[in-house]
Amino acid sequence: MRAAWYERRGPAREVLVVGDMPTPEPGAGEVRIRLAFSGINPGDVKKRSGWQGSPMSFPRVVPHSDGAGVIDAVGPGVPADRVGEAVWCYGAQSYRAFGTAAEQVVVPAELAVPLPEAALSQPGLLEQAACLGIAGITGHRAVFAAGPVAGLDVLVWGAASGVGAVALQMAHRAGARVLAVVRRAEQLTSVRTMGAAEAWLADDPALVEQIRRAAPEGVHRVAEVDFATHIDVNAQVIATGGVISAYYSSAERPEIPYWKLAFADVSLRLLGSDDFAPAVKAAAARELTAVTTPAGTDRLLTLRSGQRKRNITPNGYTPALCRPAPALGRASQAAHNGITFMPAARASTRSARYCSALFRSDASSMWL
């Protein structure tokens, strides 16, 4: 099979190689997926670049944990009727060497999440599903780690980002009133369209007052994109007994206003998607799939990945862009109360370059 891999850390154009590898065979409890789309996430860049000085976990790494396609082989212990099943997968390169940047990938059967048969005739649905893994599961966890949110006020920082967009929309669907914070003025309309009751700019000098006015008793949940940068604001607007769930911090050892948080009985949850309990990932995957499939139009989840490069090679795969951003979708998306994934322009450009070079011999032009 054709694949992209690296055997040392460094910039993409210096370390990524495209070539042929032996086609993997599924072992006991595993399935093999012929990939239609591979999901690209920021974590893939961090792993390849050696973020935080982490060493190579394996002599050769095929990147990307997320993807979608059709099961074409199963290992012992897996029902034979799963062959031909349309699926999306997550965790393909989580503590494993070979991810989805290839024509085929082998994963544990439970990480291959079934899609409706309609996906076989709707490439767009496969493309959308390839974006559900890291961003979707993390966004889900950021909202629901402390339990249901119906009737609560949920503050989502970075609400137009990949994880933030999922958190916003899943919280809205679950009956929360969502307050959104974004970085750019043009994102305000988008997050309101996705369900935010109120939306503000992160650099608004009156941000604390605005949030307090919207939620006089404080916000009950916070889905946090940068723990270190926003902890002082969060401490001023959190409700008694509230929960802050952070999936990133710009500082490894941030200072916190301990007593302000303690007197409000605040809980802090620090999230790392690779290390969520298997049952947590599985539950999130089921819920995300339920709002992705077209079984009920009132539950439709629409994911758009922007620039598409199909048919790179016969039976080749196409990277899907898994970085939602605040571009406006179809009017019907709002009517369906669905979830919209949109790629940021910067991510689109990089991914399109990577995509166009993926199965060419000139690997030096690839970006990831």
Protein backbone atom coordinates (compact mmCIF):
# COMPACT_ATOMS: atom_id res chain seq x y z
CA MET A 1 0.00 0.00 0.00
CA ARG A 2 1.01 3.64 -0.36
CA ALA A 3 1.61 5.58 2.83
CA ALA A 4 3.29 8.64 4.31
CA TRP A 5 5.66 8.15 7.23
CA TYR A 6 8.58 9.58 9.17
CA GLU A 7 11.48 7.92 10.97
CA ARG A 8 12.83 11.00 12.74
CA ARG A 9 11.40 14.20 14.17
CA GLY A 10 11.51 17.48 12.33
CA PRO A 11 9.82 19.78 9.80
CA ALA A 12 7.40 17.98 7.49
CA ARG A 13 9.28 18.72 4.28
CA GLU A 14 12.46 17.31 5.81
CA VAL A 15 11.18 14.11 7.42
CA LEU A 16 7.98 12.95 5.71
CA VAL A 17 8.42 10.17 3.18
CA VAL A 18 5.83 8.84 0.74
CA GLY A 19 6.26 5.33 -0.56
CA ASP A 20 5.14 1.73 -0.48
CA MET A 21 4.73 -0.32 2.67
CA PRO A 22 3.48 -3.87 3.22
CA THR A 23 -0.29 -3.94 3.48
CA PRO A 24 -1.12 -4.61 7.16
CA GLU A 25 -3.14 -7.67 8.18
CA PRO A 26 -5.58 -7.48 11.09
CA GLY A 27 -4.79 -9.52 14.18
CA ALA A 28 -7.16 -10.90 16.77
CA GLY A 29 -9.91 -8.40 17.56
CA GLU A 30 -8.82 -6.02 14.80
CA VAL A 31 -10.22 -4.75 11.52
CA ARG A 32 -8.55 -3.29 8.46
CA ILE A 33 -10.04 -0.18 6.88
CA ARG A 34 -9.52 0.88 3.28
CA LEU A 35 -9.41 4.60 3.88
CA ALA A 36 -11.34 7.19 1.93
CA PHE A 37 -10.28 10.10 4.14
CA SER A 38 -7.61 10.69 6.77
CA GLY A 39 -8.14 13.36 9.42
CA ILE A 40 -5.34 15.84 10.11
CA ASN A 41 -5.16 17.35 13.62
CA PRO A 42 -2.74 19.68 15.44
CA GLY A 43 -1.61 16.76 17.59
CA ASP A 44 -0.18 15.06 14.50
CA VAL A 45 2.08 18.05 13.94
CA LYS A 46 3.16 18.05 17.59
CA LYS A 47 4.05 14.35 17.53
CA ARG A 48 6.04 14.70 14.35
CA SER A 49 7.85 17.86 15.46
CA GLY A 50 8.86 16.48 18.87
CA TRP A 51 6.71 18.75 21.01
CA GLN A 52 7.96 18.95 24.63
CA GLY A 53 11.04 16.97 23.65
CA SER A 54 9.20 13.68 23.39
CA PRO A 55 11.25 10.91 21.74
CA MET A 56 10.20 8.76 18.80
CA SER A 57 7.82 6.16 20.18
CA PHE A 58 8.41 3.79 17.27
CA PRO A 59 11.16 3.45 14.63
CA ARG A 60 8.66 4.40 11.91
CA VAL A 61 5.43 6.36 12.34
CA VAL A 62 2.56 6.69 9.89
CA PRO A 63 0.77 9.78 11.26
CA HIS A 64 -2.91 10.66 11.85
CA SER A 65 -5.28 9.07 14.31
CA ASP A 66 -8.60 9.83 12.62
CA GLY A 67 -10.08 8.59 9.36
CA ALA A 68 -13.01 7.04 7.57
CA GLY A 69 -13.51 4.34 4.97
CA VAL A 70 -14.74 0.79 4.52
CA ILE A 71 -13.67 -2.34 6.40
CA ASP A 72 -12.05 -4.75 3.93
CA ALA A 73 -10.70 -7.42 6.29
CA VAL A 74 -11.23 -8.63 9.86
CA GLY A 75 -9.09 -10.60 12.27
CA PRO A 76 -9.98 -13.58 14.43
CA GLY A 77 -12.80 -12.89 16.84
CA VAL A 78 -14.41 -10.16 14.71
CA PRO A 79 -17.70 -11.00 12.94
CA ALA A 80 -17.11 -11.58 9.24
CA ASP A 81 -20.15 -9.50 8.34
CA ARG A 82 -18.27 -6.35 9.30
CA VAL A 83 -16.44 -6.59 5.96
CA GLY A 84 -17.94 -3.96 3.69
CA GLU A 85 -19.09 -1.80 6.61
CA ALA A 86 -18.62 1.96 6.34
CA VAL A 87 -16.85 3.26 9.46
CA TRP A 88 -14.94 6.13 10.97
CA CYS A 89 -12.05 5.45 13.31
CA TYR A 90 -10.21 7.20 16.11
CA GLY A 91 -7.02 6.46 18.00
CA ALA A 92 -5.34 4.78 15.05
CA GLN A 93 -1.99 6.38 15.97
CA SER A 94 -2.60 6.70 19.71
CA TYR A 95 0.09 4.53 21.31
CA ARG A 96 0.31 2.72 17.96
CA ALA A 97 2.86 3.12 15.18
CA PHE A 98 0.74 3.20 12.05
CA GLY A 99 -2.07 5.72 11.63
CA THR A 100 -4.37 6.71 8.80
CA ALA A 101 -1.94 8.53 6.47
CA ALA A 102 -2.07 5.49 4.24
CA GLU A 103 -4.38 3.62 1.91
CA GLN A 104 -5.22 1.12 4.66
CA VAL A 105 -5.02 0.99 8.44
CA VAL A 106 -5.55 -1.69 11.08
CA VAL A 107 -7.27 -0.74 14.34
CA PRO A 108 -8.97 -2.56 17.21
CA ALA A 109 -12.52 -3.38 16.12
CA GLU A 110 -14.05 -1.17 18.81
CA LEU A 111 -12.29 1.89 17.39
CA ALA A 112 -14.01 1.42 14.01
CA VAL A 113 -17.38 3.09 14.54
CA PRO A 114 -20.16 2.01 12.16
CA LEU A 115 -21.78 4.53 9.84
CA PRO A 116 -25.09 4.05 8.02
CA GLU A 117 -25.06 2.24 4.68
CA ALA A 118 -25.80 5.58 3.03
CA ALA A 119 -22.18 6.55 3.67
CA LEU A 120 -21.09 4.13 0.94
CA SER A 121 -22.85 6.27 -1.65
CA GLN A 122 -22.19 9.61 0.05
CA PRO A 123 -18.46 10.42 0.08
CA GLY A 124 -19.27 13.65 1.86
CA LEU A 125 -20.50 11.73 4.88
CA LEU A 126 -17.27 9.73 5.04
CA GLU A 127 -15.31 12.95 4.78
CA GLN A 128 -17.31 14.49 7.58
CA ALA A 129 -16.94 11.45 9.79
CA ALA A 130 -13.15 11.52 9.39
CA CYS A 131 -13.24 14.74 11.43
CA LEU A 132 -15.04 13.28 14.43
CA GLY A 133 -12.13 11.74 16.34
CA ILE A 134 -9.80 14.01 18.28
CA ALA A 135 -11.74 17.26 17.96
CA GLY A 136 -15.13 15.63 18.46
CA ILE A 137 -14.27 13.43 21.43
CA THR A 138 -12.31 16.20 23.16
CA GLY A 139 -15.11 18.73 22.64
CA HIS A 140 -17.63 16.25 23.98
CA ARG A 141 -15.51 15.54 27.06
CA ALA A 142 -14.95 19.24 27.73
CA VAL A 143 -18.71 19.69 28.07
CA PHE A 144 -19.94 16.46 29.65
CA ALA A 145 -17.06 15.26 31.85
CA ALA A 146 -18.90 16.49 34.95
CA GLY A 147 -22.34 15.27 33.86
CA PRO A 148 -25.41 16.60 32.02
CA VAL A 149 -25.61 20.31 31.23
CA ALA A 150 -29.32 20.83 30.56
CA GLY A 151 -30.39 24.13 32.08
CA LEU A 152 -26.83 25.19 32.88
CA ASP A 153 -24.73 28.10 31.61
CA VAL A 154 -21.70 26.81 29.70
CA LEU A 155 -18.83 29.14 28.76
CA VAL A 156 -16.85 28.00 25.71
CA TRP A 157 -13.52 29.66 24.99
CA GLY A 158 -12.25 29.41 21.41
CA ALA A 159 -15.77 28.54 20.32
CA ALA A 160 -14.90 28.82 16.63
CA SER A 161 -11.99 26.37 16.89
CA GLY A 162 -12.08 22.65 16.17
CA VAL A 163 -12.76 21.46 19.71
CA GLY A 164 -14.63 24.60 20.68
CA ALA A 165 -17.13 24.33 17.83
CA VAL A 166 -18.03 20.80 18.90
CA ALA A 167 -18.28 21.80 22.56
CA LEU A 168 -20.52 24.73 21.72
CA GLN A 169 -22.91 22.75 19.55
CA MET A 170 -23.09 19.63 21.71
CA ALA A 171 -23.78 21.76 24.79
CA HIS A 172 -26.49 23.65 22.92
CA ARG A 173 -28.07 20.40 21.74
CA ALA A 174 -28.05 19.10 25.32
CA GLY A 175 -30.09 22.04 26.60
CA ALA A 176 -27.39 24.34 27.96
CA ARG A 177 -27.27 28.07 27.44
CA VAL A 178 -23.92 28.59 25.74
CA LEU A 179 -21.78 31.71 26.16
CA ALA A 180 -19.00 31.88 23.56
CA VAL A 181 -15.66 33.68 23.43
CA VAL A 182 -13.78 34.03 20.14
CA ARG A 183 -10.66 35.76 18.88
CA ARG A 184 -11.91 37.58 15.79
CA ALA A 185 -14.93 39.78 15.13
CA GLU A 186 -15.97 37.82 12.04
CA GLN A 187 -16.38 34.72 14.22
CA LEU A 188 -19.13 36.25 16.36
CA THR A 189 -21.90 35.66 13.82
CA SER A 190 -20.78 32.11 13.17
CA VAL A 191 -20.83 30.98 16.80
CA ARG A 192 -24.24 32.56 17.30
CA THR A 193 -25.45 30.61 14.27
CA MET A 194 -24.08 27.44 15.85
CA GLY A 195 -26.12 28.01 19.00
CA ALA A 196 -24.35 30.53 21.24
CA ALA A 197 -26.79 32.69 23.20
CA GLU A 198 -24.11 35.35 23.70
CA ALA A 199 -20.70 35.84 22.10
CA TRP A 200 -17.80 38.17 22.83
CA LEU A 201 -14.24 38.86 21.76
CA ALA A 202 -11.50 37.52 24.01
CA ASP A 203 -9.77 40.90 24.13
CA ASP A 204 -12.91 42.83 25.10
CA PRO A 205 -11.83 44.93 28.11
CA ALA A 206 -15.34 44.52 29.54
CA LEU A 207 -15.42 40.74 29.07
CA VAL A 208 -15.79 39.87 32.76
CA GLU A 209 -18.63 42.35 33.17
CA GLN A 210 -20.33 41.05 30.02
CA ILE A 211 -20.20 37.45 31.22
CA ARG A 212 -21.40 38.40 34.71
CA ARG A 213 -24.30 40.33 33.21
CA ALA A 214 -25.27 37.33 31.08
CA ALA A 215 -24.85 34.84 33.95
CA PRO A 216 -25.37 36.69 37.26
CA GLU A 217 -24.95 33.52 39.33
CA GLY A 218 -21.84 32.51 37.40
CA VAL A 219 -21.21 29.97 34.67
CA HIS A 220 -21.56 26.34 35.68
CA ARG A 221 -19.19 24.79 33.16
CA VAL A 222 -16.19 26.14 31.26
CA ALA A 223 -14.75 24.45 28.16
CA GLU A 224 -11.27 25.96 28.13
CA VAL A 225 -8.86 26.27 25.19
CA ASP A 226 -6.01 27.86 27.20
CA PHE A 227 -6.01 27.27 30.94
CA ALA A 228 -3.09 29.56 31.77
CA THR A 229 -4.28 32.55 29.78
CA HIS A 230 -7.89 32.56 30.96
CA ILE A 231 -7.79 31.24 34.52
CA ASP A 232 -8.07 34.69 36.11
CA VAL A 233 -11.15 35.54 34.06
CA ASN A 234 -12.68 32.14 34.75
CA ALA A 235 -12.11 32.58 38.48
CA GLN A 236 -14.15 35.78 38.35
CA VAL A 237 -17.13 34.34 36.47
CA ILE A 238 -17.39 30.71 37.64
CA ALA A 239 -20.43 29.69 39.68
CA THR A 240 -20.11 28.06 43.09
CA GLY A 241 -19.47 24.38 42.45
CA GLY A 242 -18.59 25.07 38.82
CA VAL A 243 -16.23 23.00 36.68
CA ILE A 244 -13.42 24.19 34.40
CA SER A 245 -12.41 21.58 31.80
CA ALA A 246 -9.22 22.56 29.98
CA TYR A 247 -7.70 20.71 27.04
CA TYR A 248 -4.66 22.96 26.53
CA SER A 249 -2.45 25.38 28.45
CA SER A 250 0.07 27.80 27.00
CA ALA A 251 2.06 27.47 30.22
CA GLU A 252 3.05 24.09 31.63
CA ARG A 253 3.09 25.38 35.22
CA PRO A 254 0.48 28.16 35.33
CA GLU A 255 -0.21 30.21 38.42
CA ILE A 256 -3.79 30.03 39.68
CA PRO A 257 -5.83 32.20 42.08
CA TYR A 258 -6.15 29.33 44.52
CA TRP A 259 -8.33 30.89 47.20
CA LYS A 260 -10.75 32.51 44.78
CA LEU A 261 -11.29 29.11 43.18
CA ALA A 262 -11.35 27.27 46.52
CA PHE A 263 -13.96 29.55 48.08
CA ALA A 264 -16.18 28.87 45.05
CA ASP A 265 -15.70 25.09 45.39
CA VAL A 266 -14.44 24.95 41.80
CA SER A 267 -13.33 21.69 40.19
CA LEU A 268 -10.54 21.64 37.61
CA ARG A 269 -10.44 18.94 34.93
CA LEU A 270 -7.34 18.70 32.73
CA LEU A 271 -8.04 16.80 29.53
CA GLY A 272 -5.71 14.79 27.28
CA SER A 273 -7.66 13.03 24.55
CA ASP A 274 -5.18 10.18 24.03
CA ASP A 275 -5.64 9.18 27.65
CA PHE A 276 -9.39 9.32 28.14
CA ALA A 277 -10.73 6.02 29.46
CA PRO A 278 -11.85 3.69 26.64
CA ALA A 279 -15.45 3.79 27.90
CA VAL A 280 -15.40 7.61 27.79
CA LYS A 281 -14.18 7.64 24.19
CA ALA A 282 -16.69 5.01 23.15
CA ALA A 283 -19.61 6.89 24.70
CA ALA A 284 -18.56 10.14 23.02
CA ALA A 285 -18.13 8.32 19.70
CA ARG A 286 -21.65 6.92 19.91
CA GLU A 287 -23.18 10.32 20.59
CA LEU A 288 -21.16 12.05 17.88
CA THR A 289 -22.12 9.38 15.37
CA ALA A 290 -25.78 9.68 16.33
CA VAL A 291 -25.81 13.34 15.32
CA THR A 292 -23.73 12.73 12.21
CA THR A 293 -25.90 10.07 10.62
CA PRO A 294 -28.94 11.03 8.54
CA ALA A 295 -31.27 8.68 10.43
CA GLY A 296 -33.27 11.63 11.72
CA THR A 297 -33.09 15.02 10.07
CA ASP A 298 -33.61 16.75 13.38
CA ARG A 299 -30.38 15.14 14.59
CA LEU A 300 -28.28 15.79 11.50
CA LEU A 301 -24.67 16.71 12.16
CA THR A 302 -23.08 18.43 9.19
CA LEU A 303 -19.30 18.49 8.93
CA ARG A 304 -17.63 20.30 6.11
CA SER A 305 -13.94 19.96 5.42
CA GLY A 306 -13.51 22.55 2.68
CA GLN A 307 -10.98 21.87 -0.04
CA ARG A 308 -11.24 18.32 -1.32
CA LYS A 309 -8.73 16.42 -3.40
CA ARG A 310 -10.28 13.12 -4.41
CA ASN A 311 -8.97 10.38 -6.66
CA ILE A 312 -5.32 11.15 -6.05
CA THR A 313 -4.65 7.57 -6.99
CA PRO A 314 -7.03 4.69 -7.66
CA ASN A 315 -8.26 3.63 -4.23
CA GLY A 316 -6.07 6.30 -2.70
CA TYR A 317 -7.04 8.33 0.32
CA THR A 318 -7.68 11.99 0.85
CA PRO A 319 -6.80 13.90 4.02
CA ALA A 320 -9.88 15.54 5.50
CA LEU A 321 -9.37 18.87 7.20
CA CYS A 322 -10.30 18.48 10.85
CA ARG A 323 -9.99 22.00 12.10
CA PRO A 324 -13.46 23.53 12.31
CA ALA A 325 -13.67 27.26 11.96
CA PRO A 326 -16.38 29.86 11.78
CA ALA A 327 -17.45 29.83 8.15
CA LEU A 328 -21.20 29.89 7.73
CA GLY A 329 -22.90 26.73 6.49
CA ARG A 330 -26.22 26.16 4.76
CA ALA A 331 -29.31 27.71 6.25
CA SER A 332 -30.70 24.24 6.85
CA GLN A 333 -27.89 23.53 9.29
CA ALA A 334 -29.32 26.02 11.76
CA ALA A 335 -32.82 24.62 11.26
CA HIS A 336 -31.57 21.12 12.01
CA ASN A 337 -29.69 22.35 15.08
CA GLY A 338 -26.79 20.39 13.67
CA ILE A 339 -23.05 20.63 14.18
CA THR A 340 -20.93 22.33 11.57
CA PHE A 341 -17.24 21.69 10.99
CA MET A 342 -15.46 24.30 8.89
CA PRO A 343 -11.72 24.45 8.16
CA ALA A 344 -9.73 27.55 8.95
CA ALA A 345 -8.23 29.09 5.84
CA ARG A 346 -4.70 28.56 7.09
CA ALA A 347 -5.32 24.89 7.77
CA SER A 348 -6.98 24.53 4.38
CA THR A 349 -3.96 25.88 2.56
CA ARG A 350 -1.47 23.67 4.38
CA SER A 351 -3.62 20.59 4.08
CA ALA A 352 -4.29 21.17 0.40
CA ARG A 353 -0.55 21.32 -0.25
CA TYR A 354 0.00 18.17 1.78
CA CYS A 355 -2.91 16.53 0.03
CA SER A 356 -1.78 17.34 -3.50
CA ALA A 357 1.69 15.96 -2.85
CA LEU A 358 0.70 12.92 -0.86
CA PHE A 359 1.09 10.28 -3.51
CA ARG A 360 3.67 12.06 -5.64
CA SER A 361 7.34 11.21 -5.44
CA ASP A 362 8.16 14.80 -4.50
CA ALA A 363 7.66 14.46 -0.76
CA SER A 364 9.61 17.66 -0.10
CA SER A 365 6.57 19.77 -0.92
CA MET A 366 4.32 18.13 1.67
CA TRP A 367 2.98 20.03 4.63
CA LEU A 368 1.34 18.66 7.73
